[in-house]
Amino acid sequence: MIQAAQVASKFTLFTHHAKTFPNLVTALRNSMLRTGVFKNEKTAEEQVVQVLNFDIHLTKDFRGKRYVERITECIPVEEKNEYTFDHRNEKTLEGKFDKFFDNATHYFTKITDRQLYKHRNILEYVDGEYIITNPITDTNIKEMRENMDETDLEAFDKFIEKHWGNVRKKETV
């Protein structure tokens, strides 16, 4: 499913039973590790995060009524080069060591505890009504717009303006 989402189609739909978005990522990552194709957890998780744009989480209340409980957006964290080369400007050995240890701290943090994604709810069902909670990222809005006809673009832009107050100019698609 992850491989197909990477190369085979504009979108991929599937069902899952995870209770939270992080649980979904973990379950998909673990499934990829179990196939034996991946040996490294971070690499497998990166592959998952690259294809999960949104999770539409359905739930069923005690009366048996199904509804969308939340829509969550997955936001991959871009890796940044936070290393400094200021050690060259240091006059003392102590200053050079300080800069070296700053870089080493950044490196080991990236290797051992690197955050691969953030997630945030775009829509939530609260007390019987849907609440728009956070804006969709510009990246996902751009990709969504590229797959809409003029009628859908107009309605989508109105939706964005109503809920987030920023109208995006119609880009050439």
N, C-alpha and C. Protein backbone atom coordinates (compact mmCIF):
# COMPACT_ATOMS: atom_id res chain seq x y z
N MET A 1 0.83 -1.18 0.00
CA MET A 1 0.00 0.00 0.00
C MET A 1 0.88 1.26 0.00
N ILE A 2 1.92 1.27 0.83
CA ILE A 2 2.83 2.42 0.88
C ILE A 2 3.54 2.58 -0.46
N GLN A 3 4.03 1.48 -1.02
CA GLN A 3 4.71 1.54 -2.31
C GLN A 3 3.77 2.05 -3.40
N ALA A 4 2.55 1.58 -3.43
CA ALA A 4 1.59 2.03 -4.44
C ALA A 4 1.32 3.52 -4.27
N ALA A 5 1.22 3.98 -3.05
CA ALA A 5 0.96 5.40 -2.81
C ALA A 5 2.13 6.27 -3.25
N GLN A 6 3.33 5.72 -3.23
CA GLN A 6 4.50 6.50 -3.64
C GLN A 6 4.59 6.69 -5.14
N VAL A 7 4.13 5.70 -5.90
CA VAL A 7 4.38 5.77 -7.35
C VAL A 7 3.18 5.52 -8.26
N ALA A 8 2.16 4.86 -7.78
CA ALA A 8 1.18 4.32 -8.71
C ALA A 8 -0.07 5.16 -8.90
N SER A 9 -0.32 6.15 -8.07
CA SER A 9 -1.59 6.85 -8.22
C SER A 9 -1.53 8.24 -7.61
N LYS A 10 -2.56 9.05 -7.95
CA LYS A 10 -2.65 10.39 -7.37
C LYS A 10 -3.06 10.35 -5.92
N PHE A 11 -3.83 9.32 -5.56
CA PHE A 11 -4.20 9.16 -4.16
C PHE A 11 -4.43 7.70 -3.85
N THR A 12 -4.30 7.38 -2.60
CA THR A 12 -4.52 6.02 -2.14
C THR A 12 -5.45 6.06 -0.94
N LEU A 13 -6.48 5.24 -0.97
CA LEU A 13 -7.41 5.13 0.15
C LEU A 13 -7.25 3.76 0.78
N PHE A 14 -7.29 3.72 2.09
CA PHE A 14 -7.26 2.44 2.79
C PHE A 14 -7.90 2.63 4.15
N THR A 15 -8.27 1.53 4.76
CA THR A 15 -8.85 1.60 6.10
C THR A 15 -7.83 1.10 7.11
N HIS A 16 -8.03 1.51 8.34
CA HIS A 16 -7.15 1.07 9.42
C HIS A 16 -7.95 1.10 10.73
N HIS A 17 -7.36 0.59 11.77
CA HIS A 17 -8.05 0.53 13.06
C HIS A 17 -7.26 1.23 14.17
N ALA A 18 -6.33 2.08 13.81
CA ALA A 18 -5.54 2.80 14.81
C ALA A 18 -6.42 3.82 15.54
N LYS A 19 -6.18 3.99 16.82
CA LYS A 19 -6.97 4.93 17.62
C LYS A 19 -6.48 6.36 17.45
N THR A 20 -5.18 6.54 17.21
CA THR A 20 -4.61 7.89 17.06
C THR A 20 -3.73 7.93 15.81
N PHE A 21 -3.39 9.13 15.39
CA PHE A 21 -2.54 9.26 14.21
C PHE A 21 -1.14 8.68 14.46
N PRO A 22 -0.49 8.98 15.60
CA PRO A 22 0.81 8.35 15.84
C PRO A 22 0.73 6.81 15.86
N ASN A 23 -0.38 6.26 16.38
CA ASN A 23 -0.55 4.80 16.35
C ASN A 23 -0.62 4.28 14.92
N LEU A 24 -1.26 5.04 14.03
CA LEU A 24 -1.33 4.66 12.62
C LEU A 24 0.06 4.61 12.01
N VAL A 25 0.84 5.65 12.23
CA VAL A 25 2.20 5.69 11.68
C VAL A 25 3.02 4.52 12.22
N THR A 26 2.93 4.27 13.51
CA THR A 26 3.68 3.17 14.12
C THR A 26 3.26 1.83 13.55
N ALA A 27 1.95 1.61 13.40
CA ALA A 27 1.47 0.33 12.87
C ALA A 27 1.94 0.11 11.43
N LEU A 28 1.87 1.15 10.61
CA LEU A 28 2.32 1.01 9.22
C LEU A 28 3.83 0.80 9.16
N ARG A 29 4.56 1.53 9.98
CA ARG A 29 6.02 1.36 10.05
C ARG A 29 6.37 -0.07 10.44
N ASN A 30 5.70 -0.58 11.47
CA ASN A 30 5.99 -1.94 11.94
C ASN A 30 5.64 -2.98 10.89
N SER A 31 4.56 -2.75 10.14
CA SER A 31 4.21 -3.67 9.05
C SER A 31 5.30 -3.69 7.99
N MET A 32 5.85 -2.53 7.70
CA MET A 32 6.92 -2.47 6.70
C MET A 32 8.18 -3.19 7.20
N LEU A 33 8.46 -3.06 8.49
CA LEU A 33 9.61 -3.76 9.06
C LEU A 33 9.40 -5.28 9.03
N ARG A 34 8.17 -5.73 9.31
CA ARG A 34 7.87 -7.17 9.30
C ARG A 34 8.02 -7.79 7.92
N THR A 35 7.84 -7.01 6.87
CA THR A 35 8.00 -7.57 5.52
C THR A 35 9.46 -7.91 5.23
N GLY A 36 10.38 -7.31 5.99
CA GLY A 36 11.79 -7.58 5.79
C GLY A 36 12.45 -6.67 4.77
N VAL A 37 11.67 -5.81 4.13
CA VAL A 37 12.24 -4.89 3.14
C VAL A 37 13.06 -3.81 3.85
N PHE A 38 12.61 -3.42 5.04
CA PHE A 38 13.31 -2.39 5.81
C PHE A 38 13.89 -3.01 7.07
N LYS A 39 15.06 -2.55 7.45
CA LYS A 39 15.70 -2.99 8.69
C LYS A 39 15.74 -1.85 9.71
N ASN A 40 15.63 -0.63 9.21
CA ASN A 40 15.77 0.55 10.07
C ASN A 40 14.40 1.18 10.31
N GLU A 41 14.05 1.38 11.58
CA GLU A 41 12.74 1.96 11.93
C GLU A 41 12.55 3.35 11.34
N LYS A 42 13.56 4.19 11.43
CA LYS A 42 13.44 5.57 10.94
C LYS A 42 13.20 5.59 9.44
N THR A 43 13.90 4.77 8.69
CA THR A 43 13.74 4.73 7.24
C THR A 43 12.33 4.28 6.88
N ALA A 44 11.84 3.24 7.56
CA ALA A 44 10.49 2.75 7.29
C ALA A 44 9.46 3.83 7.64
N GLU A 45 9.67 4.50 8.77
CA GLU A 45 8.73 5.55 9.19
C GLU A 45 8.75 6.73 8.21
N GLU A 46 9.91 7.07 7.70
CA GLU A 46 10.01 8.14 6.69
C GLU A 46 9.16 7.82 5.47
N GLN A 47 9.20 6.56 5.03
CA GLN A 47 8.43 6.14 3.87
C GLN A 47 6.93 6.28 4.14
N VAL A 48 6.51 5.92 5.34
CA VAL A 48 5.10 6.04 5.72
C VAL A 48 4.67 7.50 5.72
N VAL A 49 5.46 8.34 6.36
CA VAL A 49 5.13 9.76 6.52
C VAL A 49 5.05 10.47 5.17
N GLN A 50 5.84 10.03 4.21
CA GLN A 50 5.83 10.67 2.89
C GLN A 50 4.51 10.47 2.15
N VAL A 51 3.75 9.45 2.48
CA VAL A 51 2.51 9.19 1.74
C VAL A 51 1.24 9.49 2.52
N LEU A 52 1.34 9.69 3.82
CA LEU A 52 0.14 9.99 4.61
C LEU A 52 -0.09 11.50 4.64
N ASN A 53 -0.95 11.98 3.78
CA ASN A 53 -1.28 13.40 3.82
C ASN A 53 -2.35 13.67 4.88
N PHE A 54 -3.41 12.88 4.84
CA PHE A 54 -4.53 13.08 5.76
C PHE A 54 -5.03 11.74 6.28
N ASP A 55 -5.50 11.76 7.50
CA ASP A 55 -6.20 10.62 8.09
C ASP A 55 -7.61 11.07 8.42
N ILE A 56 -8.59 10.44 7.81
CA ILE A 56 -9.99 10.74 8.11
C ILE A 56 -10.45 9.65 9.07
N HIS A 57 -10.57 10.02 10.33
CA HIS A 57 -10.84 9.03 11.38
C HIS A 57 -12.33 8.94 11.67
N LEU A 58 -12.89 7.77 11.36
CA LEU A 58 -14.30 7.51 11.64
C LEU A 58 -14.41 6.82 13.00
N THR A 59 -15.53 7.07 13.64
CA THR A 59 -15.80 6.38 14.91
C THR A 59 -17.27 6.03 14.95
N LYS A 60 -17.62 5.19 15.91
CA LYS A 60 -19.01 4.79 16.06
C LYS A 60 -19.40 5.06 17.51
N ASP A 61 -20.52 5.77 17.70
CA ASP A 61 -20.95 6.06 19.06
C ASP A 61 -21.69 4.86 19.66
N PHE A 62 -22.11 4.99 20.90
CA PHE A 62 -22.75 3.86 21.59
C PHE A 62 -24.09 3.47 20.99
N ARG A 63 -24.68 4.35 20.17
CA ARG A 63 -25.95 4.04 19.50
C ARG A 63 -25.72 3.34 18.15
N GLY A 64 -24.44 3.23 17.74
CA GLY A 64 -24.12 2.59 16.47
C GLY A 64 -23.99 3.57 15.32
N LYS A 65 -24.12 4.87 15.59
CA LYS A 65 -24.00 5.88 14.53
C LYS A 65 -22.52 6.13 14.22
N ARG A 66 -22.17 6.01 12.94
CA ARG A 66 -20.79 6.30 12.50
C ARG A 66 -20.70 7.75 12.06
N TYR A 67 -19.56 8.36 12.35
CA TYR A 67 -19.32 9.74 11.93
C TYR A 67 -17.82 10.00 11.87
N VAL A 68 -17.44 11.08 11.16
CA VAL A 68 -16.05 11.49 11.10
C VAL A 68 -15.73 12.19 12.41
N GLU A 69 -14.82 11.61 13.18
CA GLU A 69 -14.44 12.19 14.46
C GLU A 69 -13.43 13.32 14.29
N ARG A 70 -12.52 13.12 13.32
CA ARG A 70 -11.50 14.15 13.06
C ARG A 70 -10.83 13.88 11.72
N ILE A 71 -10.28 14.95 11.16
CA ILE A 71 -9.40 14.84 10.00
C ILE A 71 -8.06 15.40 10.44
N THR A 72 -7.03 14.56 10.30
CA THR A 72 -5.69 14.93 10.76
C THR A 72 -4.77 15.03 9.56
N GLU A 73 -3.97 16.08 9.54
CA GLU A 73 -2.97 16.26 8.48
C GLU A 73 -1.61 15.80 8.99
N CYS A 74 -0.89 15.08 8.15
CA CYS A 74 0.48 14.67 8.44
C CYS A 74 1.42 15.68 7.79
N ILE A 75 2.33 16.22 8.58
CA ILE A 75 3.26 17.23 8.07
C ILE A 75 4.68 16.71 8.25
N PRO A 76 5.30 16.21 7.16
CA PRO A 76 6.69 15.75 7.28
C PRO A 76 7.60 16.89 7.73
N VAL A 77 8.54 16.58 8.61
CA VAL A 77 9.49 17.57 9.10
C VAL A 77 10.68 17.59 8.16
N GLU A 78 10.94 18.75 7.62
CA GLU A 78 12.08 18.91 6.72
C GLU A 78 13.37 18.87 7.52
N GLU A 79 14.34 18.11 7.03
CA GLU A 79 15.62 18.05 7.71
C GLU A 79 16.43 19.28 7.35
N LYS A 80 16.91 19.97 8.37
CA LYS A 80 17.69 21.19 8.15
C LYS A 80 19.12 20.96 8.59
N ASN A 81 20.04 21.61 7.91
CA ASN A 81 21.43 21.56 8.31
C ASN A 81 21.64 22.66 9.35
N GLU A 82 21.72 22.25 10.60
CA GLU A 82 21.87 23.22 11.68
C GLU A 82 23.29 23.29 12.19
N TYR A 83 24.21 22.72 11.43
CA TYR A 83 25.60 22.74 11.85
C TYR A 83 26.20 24.11 11.63
N THR A 84 27.14 24.44 12.47
CA THR A 84 27.82 25.73 12.33
C THR A 84 29.30 25.49 12.01
N PHE A 85 29.84 26.36 11.25
CA PHE A 85 31.27 26.29 10.94
C PHE A 85 32.01 27.46 11.60
N ASP A 86 31.37 28.00 12.63
CA ASP A 86 31.94 29.14 13.36
C ASP A 86 33.24 28.80 14.07
N HIS A 87 33.55 27.51 14.22
CA HIS A 87 34.78 27.13 14.92
C HIS A 87 36.01 27.73 14.24
N ARG A 88 35.91 27.98 12.95
CA ARG A 88 37.05 28.55 12.22
C ARG A 88 37.35 29.98 12.67
N ASN A 89 36.33 30.66 13.19
CA ASN A 89 36.52 32.05 13.64
C ASN A 89 36.95 32.15 15.10
N GLU A 90 36.93 31.02 15.79
CA GLU A 90 37.30 31.03 17.21
C GLU A 90 38.81 31.16 17.35
N LYS A 91 39.22 31.97 18.30
CA LYS A 91 40.66 32.21 18.52
C LYS A 91 41.25 31.23 19.54
N THR A 92 40.40 30.73 20.43
CA THR A 92 40.92 29.86 21.49
C THR A 92 40.51 28.42 21.24
N LEU A 93 41.30 27.52 21.81
CA LEU A 93 40.98 26.10 21.71
C LEU A 93 39.66 25.81 22.43
N GLU A 94 39.42 26.49 23.54
CA GLU A 94 38.17 26.31 24.28
C GLU A 94 36.97 26.71 23.41
N GLY A 95 37.08 27.81 22.70
CA GLY A 95 36.00 28.25 21.81
C GLY A 95 35.76 27.25 20.68
N LYS A 96 36.85 26.71 20.13
CA LYS A 96 36.72 25.71 19.07
C LYS A 96 36.02 24.45 19.60
N PHE A 97 36.40 24.02 20.82
CA PHE A 97 35.75 22.87 21.43
C PHE A 97 34.26 23.12 21.65
N ASP A 98 33.91 24.32 22.11
CA ASP A 98 32.49 24.65 22.32
C ASP A 98 31.70 24.51 21.03
N LYS A 99 32.23 25.03 19.94
CA LYS A 99 31.55 24.94 18.64
C LYS A 99 31.46 23.48 18.17
N PHE A 100 32.54 22.71 18.41
CA PHE A 100 32.53 21.30 18.04
C PHE A 100 31.43 20.55 18.81
N PHE A 101 31.34 20.80 20.11
CA PHE A 101 30.33 20.10 20.90
C PHE A 101 28.92 20.54 20.55
N ASP A 102 28.74 21.80 20.14
CA ASP A 102 27.43 22.24 19.65
C ASP A 102 27.03 21.43 18.41
N ASN A 103 27.96 21.28 17.48
CA ASN A 103 27.68 20.49 16.27
C ASN A 103 27.44 19.03 16.61
N ALA A 104 28.23 18.48 17.53
CA ALA A 104 28.07 17.08 17.92
C ALA A 104 26.70 16.88 18.56
N THR A 105 26.26 17.84 19.36
CA THR A 105 24.94 17.73 20.00
C THR A 105 23.85 17.72 18.94
N HIS A 106 23.94 18.60 17.93
CA HIS A 106 22.96 18.61 16.83
C HIS A 106 22.97 17.27 16.10
N TYR A 107 24.15 16.76 15.83
CA TYR A 107 24.27 15.50 15.10
C TYR A 107 23.61 14.35 15.86
N PHE A 108 23.97 14.18 17.12
CA PHE A 108 23.43 13.05 17.88
C PHE A 108 21.93 13.19 18.12
N THR A 109 21.44 14.41 18.24
CA THR A 109 20.00 14.61 18.36
C THR A 109 19.30 14.15 17.09
N LYS A 110 19.86 14.51 15.93
CA LYS A 110 19.28 14.09 14.65
C LYS A 110 19.28 12.58 14.50
N ILE A 111 20.35 11.95 14.90
CA ILE A 111 20.50 10.51 14.71
C ILE A 111 19.63 9.72 15.69
N THR A 112 19.55 10.18 16.93
CA THR A 112 18.89 9.37 17.95
C THR A 112 17.45 9.76 18.23
N ASP A 113 17.08 11.01 17.96
CA ASP A 113 15.75 11.44 18.39
C ASP A 113 15.12 12.39 17.37
N ARG A 114 15.34 12.09 16.11
CA ARG A 114 14.85 12.98 15.06
C ARG A 114 13.34 12.83 14.87
N GLN A 115 12.64 13.93 14.92
CA GLN A 115 11.20 13.93 14.68
C GLN A 115 10.97 13.93 13.17
N LEU A 116 10.22 12.94 12.69
CA LEU A 116 10.00 12.81 11.25
C LEU A 116 8.74 13.50 10.76
N TYR A 117 7.81 13.76 11.68
CA TYR A 117 6.57 14.39 11.27
C TYR A 117 5.91 15.09 12.45
N LYS A 118 5.01 16.00 12.10
CA LYS A 118 4.08 16.58 13.05
C LYS A 118 2.69 16.21 12.54
N HIS A 119 1.73 16.25 13.41
CA HIS A 119 0.36 16.04 12.95
C HIS A 119 -0.53 17.03 13.67
N ARG A 120 -1.57 17.45 12.96
CA ARG A 120 -2.52 18.37 13.59
C ARG A 120 -3.89 18.13 12.99
N ASN A 121 -4.88 18.27 13.84
CA ASN A 121 -6.25 18.10 13.39
C ASN A 121 -6.70 19.32 12.61
N ILE A 122 -7.32 19.06 11.47
CA ILE A 122 -7.86 20.11 10.61
C ILE A 122 -9.33 20.33 10.96
N LEU A 123 -10.00 19.25 11.29
CA LEU A 123 -11.43 19.29 11.59
C LEU A 123 -11.70 18.30 12.73
N GLU A 124 -12.59 18.69 13.65
CA GLU A 124 -12.97 17.81 14.76
C GLU A 124 -14.47 17.89 14.98
N TYR A 125 -15.04 16.77 15.38
CA TYR A 125 -16.45 16.71 15.74
C TYR A 125 -16.53 16.95 17.24
N VAL A 126 -17.13 18.08 17.65
CA VAL A 126 -17.19 18.46 19.06
C VAL A 126 -18.63 18.83 19.41
N ASP A 127 -19.17 18.17 20.41
CA ASP A 127 -20.52 18.46 20.89
C ASP A 127 -21.55 18.55 19.77
N GLY A 128 -21.51 17.58 18.86
CA GLY A 128 -22.53 17.50 17.83
C GLY A 128 -22.31 18.37 16.61
N GLU A 129 -21.15 19.04 16.51
CA GLU A 129 -20.89 19.84 15.31
C GLU A 129 -19.42 19.77 14.91
N TYR A 130 -19.20 20.06 13.64
CA TYR A 130 -17.83 20.03 13.12
C TYR A 130 -17.18 21.39 13.31
N ILE A 131 -15.96 21.37 13.83
CA ILE A 131 -15.19 22.58 14.10
C ILE A 131 -13.91 22.52 13.27
N ILE A 132 -13.63 23.57 12.52
CA ILE A 132 -12.36 23.68 11.81
C ILE A 132 -11.34 24.14 12.84
N THR A 133 -10.31 23.33 13.05
CA THR A 133 -9.38 23.61 14.15
C THR A 133 -8.04 24.19 13.72
N ASN A 134 -7.53 23.80 12.56
CA ASN A 134 -6.24 24.29 12.09
C ASN A 134 -6.27 24.40 10.57
N PRO A 135 -5.47 25.29 10.02
CA PRO A 135 -5.41 25.39 8.55
C PRO A 135 -4.62 24.23 7.95
N ILE A 136 -4.93 23.92 6.73
CA ILE A 136 -4.17 22.93 5.95
C ILE A 136 -2.87 23.61 5.52
N THR A 137 -1.78 22.87 5.47
CA THR A 137 -0.51 23.46 5.06
C THR A 137 -0.56 23.93 3.61
N ASP A 138 0.25 24.92 3.29
CA ASP A 138 0.32 25.43 1.92
C ASP A 138 0.68 24.34 0.93
N THR A 139 1.56 23.42 1.32
CA THR A 139 1.97 22.33 0.43
C THR A 139 0.77 21.48 0.03
N ASN A 140 -0.03 21.08 1.00
CA ASN A 140 -1.19 20.25 0.67
C ASN A 140 -2.25 21.03 -0.08
N ILE A 141 -2.44 22.30 0.26
CA ILE A 141 -3.41 23.12 -0.48
C ILE A 141 -3.00 23.21 -1.95
N LYS A 142 -1.73 23.44 -2.20
CA LYS A 142 -1.24 23.55 -3.58
C LYS A 142 -1.49 22.24 -4.33
N GLU A 143 -1.15 21.11 -3.71
CA GLU A 143 -1.36 19.82 -4.36
C GLU A 143 -2.84 19.52 -4.59
N MET A 144 -3.69 19.91 -3.65
CA MET A 144 -5.12 19.70 -3.82
C MET A 144 -5.65 20.54 -4.97
N ARG A 145 -5.21 21.80 -5.04
CA ARG A 145 -5.68 22.71 -6.08
C ARG A 145 -5.28 22.22 -7.47
N GLU A 146 -4.13 21.59 -7.59
CA GLU A 146 -3.65 21.11 -8.88
C GLU A 146 -4.54 20.02 -9.47
N ASN A 147 -5.40 19.45 -8.63
CA ASN A 147 -6.27 18.36 -9.09
C ASN A 147 -7.74 18.76 -9.11
N MET A 148 -8.00 20.05 -9.18
CA MET A 148 -9.39 20.53 -9.20
C MET A 148 -9.70 21.25 -10.49
N ASP A 149 -10.95 21.14 -10.91
CA ASP A 149 -11.39 21.94 -12.05
C ASP A 149 -11.78 23.33 -11.54
N GLU A 150 -12.15 24.22 -12.45
CA GLU A 150 -12.44 25.61 -12.08
C GLU A 150 -13.55 25.75 -11.04
N THR A 151 -14.59 24.95 -11.17
CA THR A 151 -15.71 25.02 -10.22
C THR A 151 -15.26 24.62 -8.82
N ASP A 152 -14.51 23.53 -8.74
CA ASP A 152 -14.00 23.08 -7.45
C ASP A 152 -13.00 24.08 -6.87
N LEU A 153 -12.15 24.65 -7.72
CA LEU A 153 -11.18 25.65 -7.26
C LEU A 153 -11.89 26.83 -6.61
N GLU A 154 -12.93 27.31 -7.25
CA GLU A 154 -13.67 28.46 -6.72
C GLU A 154 -14.28 28.13 -5.36
N ALA A 155 -14.90 26.97 -5.24
CA ALA A 155 -15.51 26.57 -3.97
C ALA A 155 -14.43 26.35 -2.90
N PHE A 156 -13.32 25.77 -3.29
CA PHE A 156 -12.22 25.51 -2.35
C PHE A 156 -11.63 26.82 -1.84
N ASP A 157 -11.41 27.77 -2.75
CA ASP A 157 -10.88 29.08 -2.34
C ASP A 157 -11.84 29.79 -1.39
N LYS A 158 -13.13 29.67 -1.63
CA LYS A 158 -14.12 30.28 -0.73
C LYS A 158 -14.07 29.61 0.65
N PHE A 159 -13.91 28.30 0.66
CA PHE A 159 -13.79 27.56 1.91
C PHE A 159 -12.57 28.05 2.70
N ILE A 160 -11.44 28.16 2.02
CA ILE A 160 -10.20 28.63 2.67
C ILE A 160 -10.38 30.03 3.21
N GLU A 161 -10.97 30.91 2.40
CA GLU A 161 -11.18 32.29 2.83
C GLU A 161 -12.10 32.34 4.06
N LYS A 162 -13.17 31.57 4.03
CA LYS A 162 -14.13 31.57 5.14
C LYS A 162 -13.49 31.10 6.45
N HIS A 163 -12.70 30.04 6.37
CA HIS A 163 -12.19 29.43 7.60
C HIS A 163 -10.83 29.94 8.03
N TRP A 164 -10.02 30.39 7.11
CA TRP A 164 -8.68 30.83 7.48
C TRP A 164 -8.37 32.25 7.02
N GLY A 165 -9.27 32.85 6.29
CA GLY A 165 -9.14 34.25 5.94
C GLY A 165 -8.04 34.61 4.97
N ASN A 166 -7.51 33.64 4.27
CA ASN A 166 -6.46 33.97 3.30
C ASN A 166 -6.80 33.34 1.96
N VAL A 167 -7.16 34.18 1.03
CA VAL A 167 -7.52 33.70 -0.30
C VAL A 167 -6.25 33.47 -1.09
N ARG A 168 -6.15 32.31 -1.70
CA ARG A 168 -5.00 32.02 -2.56
C ARG A 168 -5.40 32.34 -3.99
N LYS A 169 -4.55 33.05 -4.65
CA LYS A 169 -4.81 33.37 -6.05
C LYS A 169 -4.78 32.10 -6.89
N LYS A 170 -5.63 32.07 -7.87
CA LYS A 170 -5.69 30.90 -8.73
C LYS A 170 -4.37 30.78 -9.50
N GLU A 171 -3.69 29.68 -9.23
CA GLU A 171 -2.42 29.43 -9.89
C GLU A 171 -2.68 28.63 -11.15
N THR A 172 -1.79 28.74 -12.09
CA THR A 172 -1.89 27.95 -13.30
C THR A 172 -1.63 26.51 -12.96
N VAL A 173 -2.54 25.65 -13.34
CA VAL A 173 -2.37 24.22 -13.02
C VAL A 173 -2.15 23.42 -14.27
